[in-house]
């Protein structure tokens, strides 16, 4: 598989993710955290293979290097995020103009190729 195919798959997956319910997303976050915990050695081995192809002097090397502690932190952060209320459809601010028009700043989940309600 080449990079173009991988990018296409990622784009297709992103389009599917926006259609998921909050409960499904919470489940995915919790399950992914658990998989990271139970498959730590496999993830670290794959990360070592990736790092072998990098120059250790590259500034990105340390940021991409995973350790057991970093993986546990990632898993914990995923579980923490799963407990937070969804920010989608939350009104961040609202202003009523002198002519009566209401302007809202709101986080919305948009479907691909659909009009946006303002």
C-alpha atoms as a PDB file:
ATOM      1  CA  UNK A   1       0.000   0.000   0.000  1.00  0.00           C
ATOM      2  CA  UNK A   2       1.393   3.398  -0.923  1.00  0.00           C
ATOM      3  CA  UNK A   3       1.043   6.702   0.926  1.00  0.00           C
ATOM      4  CA  UNK A   4      -1.742   7.920  -1.359  1.00  0.00           C
ATOM      5  CA  UNK A   5      -3.821   4.821  -0.570  1.00  0.00           C
ATOM      6  CA  UNK A   6      -3.194   5.238   3.168  1.00  0.00           C
ATOM      7  CA  UNK A   7      -4.268   8.898   3.006  1.00  0.00           C
ATOM      8  CA  UNK A   8      -7.422   7.922   1.131  1.00  0.00           C
ATOM      9  CA  UNK A   9      -8.227   5.301   3.780  1.00  0.00           C
ATOM     10  CA  UNK A  10      -7.642   7.846   6.545  1.00  0.00           C
ATOM     11  CA  UNK A  11      -9.949  10.321   4.810  1.00  0.00           C
ATOM     12  CA  UNK A  12     -12.654   7.671   4.407  1.00  0.00           C
ATOM     13  CA  UNK A  13     -12.320   6.715   8.084  1.00  0.00           C
ATOM     14  CA  UNK A  14     -12.612  10.372   9.152  1.00  0.00           C
ATOM     15  CA  UNK A  15     -15.867  10.698   7.206  1.00  0.00           C
ATOM     16  CA  UNK A  16     -17.236   7.688   9.073  1.00  0.00           C
ATOM     17  CA  UNK A  17     -16.109   8.984  12.474  1.00  0.00           C
ATOM     18  CA  UNK A  18     -18.225  12.132  12.250  1.00  0.00           C
ATOM     19  CA  UNK A  19     -21.348   9.993  12.060  1.00  0.00           C
ATOM     20  CA  UNK A  20     -20.693   8.148  15.340  1.00  0.00           C
ATOM     21  CA  UNK A  21     -22.725   8.755  18.469  1.00  0.00           C
ATOM     22  CA  UNK A  22     -21.123  10.108  21.633  1.00  0.00           C
ATOM     23  CA  UNK A  23     -21.545   6.714  23.323  1.00  0.00           C
ATOM     24  CA  UNK A  24     -19.758   4.959  20.451  1.00  0.00           C
ATOM     25  CA  UNK A  25     -16.878   7.437  20.628  1.00  0.00           C
ATOM     26  CA  UNK A  26     -16.619   6.926  24.401  1.00  0.00           C
ATOM     27  CA  UNK A  27     -16.512   3.169  23.844  1.00  0.00           C
ATOM     28  CA  UNK A  28     -13.791   3.503  21.223  1.00  0.00           C
ATOM     29  CA  UNK A  29     -11.672   5.684  23.522  1.00  0.00           C
ATOM     30  CA  UNK A  30     -11.993   3.247  26.435  1.00  0.00           C
ATOM     31  CA  UNK A  31     -11.349   0.182  24.271  1.00  0.00           C
ATOM     32  CA  UNK A  32      -8.321   1.776  22.613  1.00  0.00           C
ATOM     33  CA  UNK A  33      -6.892   2.667  26.030  1.00  0.00           C
ATOM     34  CA  UNK A  34      -7.333  -0.945  27.141  1.00  0.00           C
ATOM     35  CA  UNK A  35      -5.712  -2.290  23.957  1.00  0.00           C
ATOM     36  CA  UNK A  36      -2.719   0.007  24.506  1.00  0.00           C
ATOM     37  CA  UNK A  37      -2.355  -1.392  28.011  1.00  0.00           C
ATOM     38  CA  UNK A  38      -2.659  -5.037  26.998  1.00  0.00           C
ATOM     39  CA  UNK A  39      -0.483  -4.755  23.878  1.00  0.00           C
ATOM     40  CA  UNK A  40       2.202  -2.419  25.176  1.00  0.00           C
ATOM     41  CA  UNK A  41       5.099  -4.637  24.093  1.00  0.00           C
ATOM     42  CA  UNK A  42       3.814  -4.975  20.524  1.00  0.00           C
ATOM     43  CA  UNK A  43       3.303  -1.213  20.223  1.00  0.00           C
ATOM     44  CA  UNK A  44       6.774  -0.516  21.609  1.00  0.00           C
ATOM     45  CA  UNK A  45       8.344  -3.065  19.230  1.00  0.00           C
ATOM     46  CA  UNK A  46       6.643  -1.444  16.235  1.00  0.00           C
ATOM     47  CA  UNK A  47       7.756   1.975  17.479  1.00  0.00           C
ATOM     48  CA  UNK A  48      11.361   0.760  17.754  1.00  0.00           C
ATOM     49  CA  UNK A  49      11.198  -0.423  14.126  1.00  0.00           C
ATOM     50  CA  UNK A  50       9.924   2.988  13.051  1.00  0.00           C
ATOM     51  CA  UNK A  51      12.654   4.755  15.019  1.00  0.00           C
ATOM     52  CA  UNK A  52      15.359   2.574  13.431  1.00  0.00           C
ATOM     53  CA  UNK A  53      14.553   4.309  10.145  1.00  0.00           C
ATOM     54  CA  UNK A  54      15.068   7.757  11.698  1.00  0.00           C
ATOM     55  CA  UNK A  55      18.194   9.691  12.495  1.00  0.00           C
ATOM     56  CA  UNK A  56      18.334  10.032  16.310  1.00  0.00           C
ATOM     57  CA  UNK A  57      19.570  13.605  15.799  1.00  0.00           C
ATOM     58  CA  UNK A  58      16.235  14.471  14.165  1.00  0.00           C
ATOM     59  CA  UNK A  59      14.292  16.733  16.569  1.00  0.00           C
ATOM     60  CA  UNK A  60      11.174  14.630  15.969  1.00  0.00           C
ATOM     61  CA  UNK A  61      12.913  11.470  17.176  1.00  0.00           C
ATOM     62  CA  UNK A  62      12.327  12.064  20.879  1.00  0.00           C
ATOM     63  CA  UNK A  63       8.733  13.200  20.339  1.00  0.00           C
ATOM     64  CA  UNK A  64       7.964  10.021  18.385  1.00  0.00           C
ATOM     65  CA  UNK A  65       9.796   7.677  20.745  1.00  0.00           C
ATOM     66  CA  UNK A  66       7.339   5.755  22.905  1.00  0.00           C
ATOM     67  CA  UNK A  67       8.102   4.323  26.306  1.00  0.00           C
ATOM     68  CA  UNK A  68       5.933   2.230  28.583  1.00  0.00           C
ATOM     69  CA  UNK A  69       5.329   5.335  30.703  1.00  0.00           C
ATOM     70  CA  UNK A  70       4.300   7.406  27.684  1.00  0.00           C
ATOM     71  CA  UNK A  71       1.918   4.688  26.489  1.00  0.00           C
ATOM     72  CA  UNK A  72       0.358   4.410  29.940  1.00  0.00           C
ATOM     73  CA  UNK A  73      -0.053   8.196  29.950  1.00  0.00           C
ATOM     74  CA  UNK A  74      -1.706   8.117  26.532  1.00  0.00           C
ATOM     75  CA  UNK A  75      -4.088   5.380  27.695  1.00  0.00           C
ATOM     76  CA  UNK A  76      -4.924   7.318  30.879  1.00  0.00           C
ATOM     77  CA  UNK A  77      -5.528  10.499  28.872  1.00  0.00           C
ATOM     78  CA  UNK A  78      -7.866   8.627  26.508  1.00  0.00           C
ATOM     79  CA  UNK A  79      -9.862   7.360  29.467  1.00  0.00           C
ATOM     80  CA  UNK A  80      -9.966  10.864  30.972  1.00  0.00           C
ATOM     81  CA  UNK A  81     -11.243  12.330  27.699  1.00  0.00           C
ATOM     82  CA  UNK A  82     -13.933   9.636  27.569  1.00  0.00           C
ATOM     83  CA  UNK A  83     -15.376  10.982  30.846  1.00  0.00           C
ATOM     84  CA  UNK A  84     -15.674  14.571  29.617  1.00  0.00           C
ATOM     85  CA  UNK A  85     -18.935  15.887  28.230  1.00  0.00           C
ATOM     86  CA  UNK A  86     -18.967  16.238  24.467  1.00  0.00           C
ATOM     87  CA  UNK A  87     -18.308  19.833  23.385  1.00  0.00           C
ATOM     88  CA  UNK A  88     -20.395  19.325  20.240  1.00  0.00           C
ATOM     89  CA  UNK A  89     -23.486  21.509  19.951  1.00  0.00           C
ATOM     90  CA  UNK A  90     -22.368  23.541  22.973  1.00  0.00           C
ATOM     91  CA  UNK A  91     -23.075  27.258  22.577  1.00  0.00           C
ATOM     92  CA  UNK A  92     -19.824  29.101  23.305  1.00  0.00           C
ATOM     93  CA  UNK A  93     -21.300  32.577  23.017  1.00  0.00           C
ATOM     94  CA  UNK A  94     -24.520  34.198  21.869  1.00  0.00           C
ATOM     95  CA  UNK A  95     -25.234  37.770  20.861  1.00  0.00           C
ATOM     96  CA  UNK A  96     -28.489  39.395  19.804  1.00  0.00           C
ATOM     97  CA  UNK A  97     -28.036  42.197  17.296  1.00  0.00           C
ATOM     98  CA  UNK A  98     -30.164  45.389  17.461  1.00  0.00           C
ATOM     99  CA  UNK A  99     -32.260  44.094  14.551  1.00  0.00           C
ATOM    100  CA  UNK A 100     -33.110  40.926  16.542  1.00  0.00           C
ATOM    101  CA  UNK A 101     -30.752  38.576  14.695  1.00  0.00           C
ATOM    102  CA  UNK A 102     -29.176  36.052  17.057  1.00  0.00           C
ATOM    103  CA  UNK A 103     -25.531  35.121  16.422  1.00  0.00           C
ATOM    104  CA  UNK A 104     -24.228  31.962  18.110  1.00  0.00           C
ATOM    105  CA  UNK A 105     -20.703  30.628  18.286  1.00  0.00           C
ATOM    106  CA  UNK A 106     -21.308  26.883  18.524  1.00  0.00           C
ATOM    107  CA  UNK A 107     -19.258  23.708  18.077  1.00  0.00           C
ATOM    108  CA  UNK A 108     -21.072  21.484  15.602  1.00  0.00           C
ATOM    109  CA  UNK A 109     -20.557  18.068  14.104  1.00  0.00           C
ATOM    110  CA  UNK A 110     -20.822  18.476  10.348  1.00  0.00           C
ATOM    111  CA  UNK A 111     -21.566  15.764   7.874  1.00  0.00           C
ATOM    112  CA  UNK A 112     -19.442  15.615   4.737  1.00  0.00           C
ATOM    113  CA  UNK A 113     -21.031  17.429   1.793  1.00  0.00           C
ATOM    114  CA  UNK A 114     -23.886  18.894   3.795  1.00  0.00           C
ATOM    115  CA  UNK A 115     -24.822  22.541   4.270  1.00  0.00           C
ATOM    116  CA  UNK A 116     -23.949  24.182   7.547  1.00  0.00           C
ATOM    117  CA  UNK A 117     -26.667  25.893   9.590  1.00  0.00           C
ATOM    118  CA  UNK A 118     -25.495  29.266  10.833  1.00  0.00           C
END
